[in-house]
Protein backbone atom coordinates (compact mmCIF):
# COMPACT_ATOMS: atom_id res chain seq x y z
CA UNK A 1 96.44 121.17 116.26
CA UNK A 2 100.15 121.86 115.51
CA UNK A 3 102.18 120.64 112.82
CA UNK A 4 105.50 118.36 113.48
CA UNK A 5 108.10 117.58 111.18
CA UNK A 6 111.56 115.56 111.68
CA UNK A 7 114.39 117.98 111.48
CA UNK A 8 116.71 117.48 108.36
CA UNK A 9 119.77 116.63 110.54
CA UNK A 10 117.86 113.77 112.40
CA UNK A 11 117.81 110.42 111.34
CA UNK A 12 115.66 107.55 112.58
CA UNK A 13 116.32 103.73 112.27
CA UNK A 14 114.83 100.63 113.37
CA UNK A 15 117.00 97.69 114.97
CA UNK A 16 114.57 95.05 115.95
CA UNK A 17 112.22 96.04 118.47
CA UNK A 18 114.61 99.19 119.30
CA UNK A 19 114.01 102.74 117.56
CA UNK A 20 117.30 104.91 117.16
CA UNK A 21 117.38 108.48 117.11
CA UNK A 22 120.52 110.57 115.74
CA UNK A 23 120.79 114.07 115.20
CA UNK A 24 124.10 114.96 113.15
CA UNK A 25 123.98 118.54 114.13
CA UNK A 26 124.15 118.26 117.81
CA UNK A 27 125.75 114.61 117.87
CA UNK A 28 123.11 113.43 120.24
CA UNK A 29 121.33 110.04 119.88
CA UNK A 30 118.92 108.10 121.73
CA UNK A 31 117.46 104.55 121.74
CA UNK A 32 113.90 103.78 122.56
CA UNK A 33 111.96 100.53 123.27
CA UNK A 34 109.23 99.12 121.37
CA UNK A 35 106.73 101.69 122.19
CA UNK A 36 108.97 104.31 121.74
CA UNK A 37 110.04 102.78 118.21
CA UNK A 38 106.46 103.08 117.20
CA UNK A 39 106.23 106.59 118.33
CA UNK A 40 109.23 107.73 116.27
CA UNK A 41 108.09 105.77 113.27
CA UNK A 42 105.24 108.55 113.05
CA UNK A 43 108.01 111.23 112.23
CA UNK A 44 108.63 112.25 108.82
CA UNK A 45 110.34 115.15 107.09
CA UNK A 46 107.04 116.15 105.54
CA UNK A 47 105.11 118.41 107.82
CA UNK A 48 102.20 116.13 109.54
CA UNK A 49 99.22 116.92 111.61
CA UNK A 50 99.74 115.70 115.30
CA UNK A 51 96.00 115.07 115.74
CA UNK A 52 96.09 112.88 112.75
CA UNK A 53 99.37 111.19 114.03
CA UNK A 54 97.51 110.17 116.99
CA UNK A 55 94.42 109.22 115.55
CA UNK A 56 96.89 106.48 113.58
CA UNK A 57 98.47 105.61 116.90
CA UNK A 58 94.99 104.97 118.40
CA UNK A 59 94.37 102.15 115.87
CA UNK A 60 97.55 100.50 117.17
CA UNK A 61 96.70 101.30 120.89
CA UNK A 62 93.06 101.02 120.63
CA UNK A 63 93.23 99.76 124.47
CA UNK A 64 94.64 103.28 125.46
CA UNK A 65 92.06 106.32 125.82
CA UNK A 66 92.56 108.70 123.11
CA UNK A 67 93.12 111.73 125.34
CA UNK A 68 95.74 109.74 127.20
CA UNK A 69 97.42 108.71 124.04
CA UNK A 70 97.48 112.29 122.83
CA UNK A 71 98.86 113.66 125.90
CA UNK A 72 101.48 110.96 125.89
CA UNK A 73 102.51 111.71 122.27
CA UNK A 74 102.35 115.61 123.00
CA UNK A 75 104.74 115.05 125.65
CA UNK A 76 107.12 112.71 123.45
CA UNK A 77 106.98 115.29 120.77
CA UNK A 78 107.79 118.22 123.17
CA UNK A 79 110.71 116.23 124.58
CA UNK A 80 111.98 115.71 120.96
CA UNK A 81 111.32 119.49 120.03
CA UNK A 82 113.43 120.69 122.98
CA UNK A 83 116.19 118.71 122.16
CA UNK A 84 115.91 119.73 118.44
CA UNK A 85 115.33 116.28 116.89
CA UNK A 86 111.92 117.75 115.55
CA UNK A 87 110.05 121.15 115.23
CA UNK A 88 106.72 121.92 115.85
CA UNK A 89 104.29 124.79 115.04
CA UNK A 90 100.99 125.78 113.60
CA UNK A 91 102.10 126.61 110.07
CA UNK A 92 104.87 125.01 107.52
CA UNK A 93 106.28 128.54 107.54
CA UNK A 94 106.90 128.48 111.38
CA UNK A 95 108.56 124.90 110.97
CA UNK A 96 111.01 126.18 108.54
CA UNK A 97 111.76 129.20 110.64
CA UNK A 98 112.42 126.81 113.76
CA UNK A 99 114.38 124.40 111.88
CA UNK A 100 117.88 124.10 113.60
CA UNK A 101 121.04 125.31 111.41
CA UNK A 102 124.66 125.10 112.09
CA UNK A 103 126.03 128.67 113.04
CA UNK A 104 129.24 129.92 114.81
CA UNK A 105 126.99 132.66 116.27
CA UNK A 106 125.06 130.28 118.26
CA UNK A 107 126.10 127.82 121.32
CA UNK A 108 128.05 125.02 119.71
CA UNK A 109 125.35 122.14 119.61
CA UNK A 110 128.40 119.79 120.14
CA UNK A 111 129.34 121.01 123.69
CA UNK A 112 125.98 121.52 125.10
CA UNK A 113 125.11 118.93 127.91
CA UNK A 114 121.81 117.92 129.18
CA UNK A 115 120.54 114.83 130.98
CA UNK A 116 118.52 112.67 128.76
CA UNK A 117 117.73 109.96 131.47
CA UNK A 118 114.81 112.16 133.30
CA UNK A 119 112.79 109.56 134.59
CA UNK A 120 109.57 111.61 133.99
CA UNK A 121 110.11 111.82 130.61
CA UNK A 122 111.94 108.84 129.25
CA UNK A 123 109.48 106.98 126.95
CA UNK A 124 111.38 103.69 127.34
CA UNK A 125 114.23 105.55 126.27
CA UNK A 126 117.70 104.21 127.03
CA UNK A 127 121.04 105.45 127.47
CA UNK A 128 122.92 104.75 123.97
CA UNK A 129 126.36 104.08 125.65
CA UNK A 130 124.98 101.98 128.35
CA UNK A 131 122.88 99.97 126.10
CA UNK A 132 125.39 99.69 123.49
């Protein structure tokens, strides 16, 4: 099972029942509801095995079938990886090579646009400007 790690420019905070995610490189942020907050709290700057994370989550969400929880968590992590909040790979060396870094050679992440409210993958995520 692959490893995951929070990117060095990503910061996670909890505000009551909400989880907040901010990427300093891209200047994008998100707010999640309580379930999303619990998923966010599994992330770390240290590489972690995704299967071990899912097993820990299964203790919290014991009424959810393990395969369903695994599928939901993989979708959650894939979404975060797509938007450069985390990296996912099979080895620590690959995680390091996938880590986003600022460069004038690539598309400026501050000007990248993307809708973060697609209904099929929102995980309780709220648009931060609407929420605040």
